[in-house]
Amino acid sequence: MNLLTNEELRDIMRACVGNEQTAELEGEIFDRTFSDLAFDSLAVLEVAARLQETYRIPVPDEAVERMKTPRDVVDYINQQLAAAA
């Protein structure tokens, strides 16, 4: 399985938020917190659920709680993919 890219995560994030919030996802977002990007905890859980489905790896609630930025998500998913390889 390929590693998760920033653009793939951005696409998943767009699919998990309303249209009015997609503008928040342009530019350099990967070190901004989810709250700065107008993502509430349910939106972050939706992102995690889509990643679990797409990459077939577990993303437990404890891991989601530690994910404060999109970069945290990319790093976590890619670490899990590398460990599973």
N, C-alpha and C. Protein backbone atom coordinates (compact mmCIF):
# COMPACT_ATOMS: atom_id res chain seq x y z
N MET A 1 0.85 -1.18 0.00
CA MET A 1 0.00 0.00 0.00
C MET A 1 0.88 1.23 0.00
N ASN A 2 0.48 2.20 -0.77
CA ASN A 2 1.19 3.47 -0.82
C ASN A 2 0.98 4.25 0.47
N LEU A 3 1.94 5.11 0.76
CA LEU A 3 1.82 5.97 1.93
C LEU A 3 0.79 7.07 1.67
N LEU A 4 0.22 7.57 2.74
CA LEU A 4 -0.73 8.68 2.67
C LEU A 4 0.02 9.96 2.35
N THR A 5 -0.45 10.67 1.32
CA THR A 5 0.17 11.95 0.96
C THR A 5 -0.64 13.09 1.55
N ASN A 6 -0.03 14.25 1.59
CA ASN A 6 -0.74 15.43 2.07
C ASN A 6 -1.97 15.72 1.22
N GLU A 7 -1.85 15.57 -0.09
CA GLU A 7 -2.99 15.86 -0.96
C GLU A 7 -4.12 14.84 -0.77
N GLU A 8 -3.78 13.58 -0.55
CA GLU A 8 -4.82 12.59 -0.28
C GLU A 8 -5.56 12.92 1.01
N LEU A 9 -4.81 13.31 2.03
CA LEU A 9 -5.45 13.70 3.28
C LEU A 9 -6.33 14.93 3.08
N ARG A 10 -5.84 15.90 2.33
CA ARG A 10 -6.62 17.10 2.07
C ARG A 10 -7.95 16.73 1.39
N ASP A 11 -7.92 15.81 0.43
CA ASP A 11 -9.15 15.36 -0.24
C ASP A 11 -10.11 14.70 0.73
N ILE A 12 -9.59 13.87 1.62
CA ILE A 12 -10.43 13.22 2.63
C ILE A 12 -11.02 14.26 3.56
N MET A 13 -10.22 15.21 3.97
CA MET A 13 -10.71 16.27 4.86
C MET A 13 -11.81 17.07 4.19
N ARG A 14 -11.65 17.38 2.90
CA ARG A 14 -12.69 18.11 2.17
C ARG A 14 -14.00 17.34 2.17
N ALA A 15 -13.90 16.03 2.02
CA ALA A 15 -15.10 15.19 1.98
C ALA A 15 -15.79 15.12 3.34
N CYS A 16 -15.07 15.43 4.41
CA CYS A 16 -15.61 15.29 5.76
C CYS A 16 -16.14 16.59 6.36
N VAL A 17 -16.02 17.69 5.65
CA VAL A 17 -16.53 18.96 6.16
C VAL A 17 -17.52 19.55 5.18
N GLY A 18 -18.30 20.49 5.64
CA GLY A 18 -19.27 21.16 4.80
C GLY A 18 -18.61 22.06 3.78
N ASN A 19 -19.35 22.41 2.75
CA ASN A 19 -18.82 23.25 1.67
C ASN A 19 -18.28 24.58 2.15
N GLU A 20 -18.90 25.16 3.16
CA GLU A 20 -18.45 26.47 3.63
C GLU A 20 -17.07 26.40 4.27
N GLN A 21 -16.62 25.23 4.67
CA GLN A 21 -15.33 25.11 5.34
C GLN A 21 -14.21 24.67 4.41
N THR A 22 -14.50 24.31 3.17
CA THR A 22 -13.45 23.81 2.29
C THR A 22 -12.41 24.88 1.98
N ALA A 23 -12.79 26.15 2.03
CA ALA A 23 -11.82 27.22 1.79
C ALA A 23 -10.72 27.20 2.84
N GLU A 24 -11.03 26.75 4.04
CA GLU A 24 -10.03 26.66 5.12
C GLU A 24 -8.93 25.65 4.79
N LEU A 25 -9.15 24.80 3.79
CA LEU A 25 -8.22 23.71 3.50
C LEU A 25 -7.24 24.04 2.38
N GLU A 26 -7.22 25.27 1.94
CA GLU A 26 -6.28 25.69 0.90
C GLU A 26 -4.98 26.16 1.56
N GLY A 27 -3.91 26.08 0.81
CA GLY A 27 -2.63 26.59 1.29
C GLY A 27 -1.95 25.65 2.27
N GLU A 28 -1.13 26.22 3.10
CA GLU A 28 -0.33 25.46 4.06
C GLU A 28 -1.16 25.16 5.30
N ILE A 29 -1.72 23.99 5.37
CA ILE A 29 -2.60 23.64 6.48
C ILE A 29 -2.00 22.60 7.41
N PHE A 30 -0.93 21.96 7.05
CA PHE A 30 -0.52 20.73 7.72
C PHE A 30 0.07 20.92 9.11
N ASP A 31 0.41 22.15 9.46
CA ASP A 31 0.88 22.40 10.81
C ASP A 31 -0.10 23.24 11.61
N ARG A 32 -1.27 23.50 11.05
CA ARG A 32 -2.33 24.22 11.76
C ARG A 32 -3.18 23.21 12.53
N THR A 33 -3.69 23.61 13.66
CA THR A 33 -4.53 22.68 14.43
C THR A 33 -5.87 22.49 13.74
N PHE A 34 -6.50 21.37 14.04
CA PHE A 34 -7.82 21.12 13.48
C PHE A 34 -8.82 22.19 13.90
N SER A 35 -8.71 22.66 15.13
CA SER A 35 -9.63 23.71 15.57
C SER A 35 -9.41 24.99 14.77
N ASP A 36 -8.17 25.32 14.43
CA ASP A 36 -7.89 26.48 13.57
C ASP A 36 -8.49 26.31 12.18
N LEU A 37 -8.64 25.07 11.76
CA LEU A 37 -9.20 24.77 10.44
C LEU A 37 -10.71 24.58 10.50
N ALA A 38 -11.31 24.88 11.65
CA ALA A 38 -12.76 24.76 11.87
C ALA A 38 -13.25 23.32 11.82
N PHE A 39 -12.39 22.39 12.24
CA PHE A 39 -12.78 20.99 12.36
C PHE A 39 -13.13 20.71 13.81
N ASP A 40 -14.32 20.22 14.05
CA ASP A 40 -14.66 19.81 15.41
C ASP A 40 -14.27 18.35 15.59
N SER A 41 -14.46 17.83 16.77
CA SER A 41 -14.02 16.47 17.07
C SER A 41 -14.74 15.44 16.21
N LEU A 42 -16.00 15.68 15.87
CA LEU A 42 -16.72 14.74 15.01
C LEU A 42 -16.14 14.70 13.61
N ALA A 43 -15.73 15.83 13.08
CA ALA A 43 -15.12 15.86 11.75
C ALA A 43 -13.79 15.11 11.76
N VAL A 44 -13.02 15.26 12.83
CA VAL A 44 -11.74 14.54 12.93
C VAL A 44 -12.00 13.03 13.03
N LEU A 45 -13.03 12.64 13.78
CA LEU A 45 -13.38 11.21 13.85
C LEU A 45 -13.81 10.68 12.48
N GLU A 46 -14.50 11.50 11.71
CA GLU A 46 -14.91 11.09 10.36
C GLU A 46 -13.68 10.90 9.47
N VAL A 47 -12.71 11.79 9.58
CA VAL A 47 -11.46 11.63 8.84
C VAL A 47 -10.79 10.31 9.22
N ALA A 48 -10.71 10.04 10.52
CA ALA A 48 -10.08 8.79 10.99
C ALA A 48 -10.83 7.57 10.47
N ALA A 49 -12.16 7.62 10.47
CA ALA A 49 -12.95 6.49 9.98
C ALA A 49 -12.70 6.25 8.50
N ARG A 50 -12.62 7.31 7.73
CA ARG A 50 -12.34 7.15 6.29
C ARG A 50 -10.94 6.60 6.05
N LEU A 51 -9.99 7.03 6.86
CA LEU A 51 -8.63 6.50 6.73
C LEU A 51 -8.59 5.02 7.09
N GLN A 52 -9.29 4.63 8.13
CA GLN A 52 -9.35 3.21 8.51
C GLN A 52 -9.92 2.38 7.36
N GLU A 53 -10.98 2.88 6.76
CA GLU A 53 -11.63 2.17 5.66
C GLU A 53 -10.73 2.10 4.43
N THR A 54 -10.10 3.21 4.10
CA THR A 54 -9.27 3.28 2.91
C THR A 54 -8.00 2.47 3.03
N TYR A 55 -7.32 2.58 4.17
CA TYR A 55 -6.01 1.96 4.34
C TYR A 55 -6.04 0.65 5.11
N ARG A 56 -7.22 0.30 5.61
CA ARG A 56 -7.40 -0.97 6.33
C ARG A 56 -6.44 -1.12 7.51
N ILE A 57 -6.28 -0.03 8.25
CA ILE A 57 -5.49 -0.07 9.48
C ILE A 57 -6.30 0.54 10.60
N PRO A 58 -6.12 0.07 11.82
CA PRO A 58 -6.88 0.64 12.93
C PRO A 58 -6.38 2.03 13.31
N VAL A 59 -7.32 2.89 13.65
CA VAL A 59 -7.01 4.22 14.18
C VAL A 59 -7.84 4.35 15.45
N PRO A 60 -7.28 3.90 16.57
CA PRO A 60 -8.05 3.92 17.82
C PRO A 60 -8.32 5.34 18.30
N ASP A 61 -9.34 5.46 19.13
CA ASP A 61 -9.72 6.77 19.66
C ASP A 61 -8.56 7.48 20.34
N GLU A 62 -7.71 6.72 21.03
CA GLU A 62 -6.56 7.32 21.72
C GLU A 62 -5.62 7.99 20.72
N ALA A 63 -5.44 7.37 19.56
CA ALA A 63 -4.59 7.96 18.52
C ALA A 63 -5.23 9.22 17.96
N VAL A 64 -6.54 9.18 17.76
CA VAL A 64 -7.25 10.34 17.23
C VAL A 64 -7.12 11.52 18.19
N GLU A 65 -7.21 11.26 19.47
CA GLU A 65 -7.09 12.32 20.47
C GLU A 65 -5.72 13.00 20.43
N ARG A 66 -4.69 12.26 20.03
CA ARG A 66 -3.33 12.82 19.96
C ARG A 66 -3.09 13.57 18.66
N MET A 67 -3.97 13.40 17.68
CA MET A 67 -3.81 14.05 16.37
C MET A 67 -4.35 15.47 16.45
N LYS A 68 -3.46 16.41 16.55
CA LYS A 68 -3.85 17.82 16.68
C LYS A 68 -3.78 18.57 15.36
N THR A 69 -2.97 18.07 14.42
CA THR A 69 -2.79 18.73 13.13
C THR A 69 -2.89 17.69 12.01
N PRO A 70 -3.12 18.13 10.78
CA PRO A 70 -3.10 17.18 9.66
C PRO A 70 -1.75 16.45 9.55
N ARG A 71 -0.65 17.13 9.87
CA ARG A 71 0.65 16.46 9.82
C ARG A 71 0.69 15.29 10.80
N ASP A 72 0.09 15.44 11.97
CA ASP A 72 0.02 14.34 12.94
C ASP A 72 -0.70 13.14 12.33
N VAL A 73 -1.74 13.40 11.55
CA VAL A 73 -2.51 12.33 10.91
C VAL A 73 -1.64 11.61 9.88
N VAL A 74 -1.01 12.37 9.00
CA VAL A 74 -0.15 11.78 7.97
C VAL A 74 0.95 10.95 8.62
N ASP A 75 1.60 11.50 9.64
CA ASP A 75 2.68 10.78 10.31
C ASP A 75 2.17 9.48 10.94
N TYR A 76 1.04 9.54 11.63
CA TYR A 76 0.50 8.34 12.28
C TYR A 76 0.16 7.27 11.25
N ILE A 77 -0.59 7.65 10.23
CA ILE A 77 -1.02 6.67 9.23
C ILE A 77 0.19 6.06 8.54
N ASN A 78 1.17 6.87 8.15
CA ASN A 78 2.33 6.34 7.46
C ASN A 78 3.20 5.46 8.36
N GLN A 79 3.26 5.76 9.66
CA GLN A 79 3.96 4.88 10.59
C GLN A 79 3.25 3.52 10.68
N GLN A 80 1.93 3.55 10.74
CA GLN A 80 1.18 2.30 10.83
C GLN A 80 1.32 1.49 9.54
N LEU A 81 1.31 2.16 8.40
CA LEU A 81 1.49 1.46 7.12
C LEU A 81 2.88 0.85 7.01
N ALA A 82 3.88 1.58 7.46
CA ALA A 82 5.25 1.05 7.42
C ALA A 82 5.40 -0.14 8.35
N ALA A 83 4.77 -0.08 9.51
CA ALA A 83 4.86 -1.20 10.46
C ALA A 83 4.15 -2.44 9.93
N ALA A 84 3.11 -2.24 9.14
CA ALA A 84 2.34 -3.36 8.61
C ALA A 84 3.00 -4.00 7.39
N ALA A 85 3.93 -3.29 6.79
CA ALA A 85 4.58 -3.78 5.55
C ALA A 85 5.56 -4.90 5.81
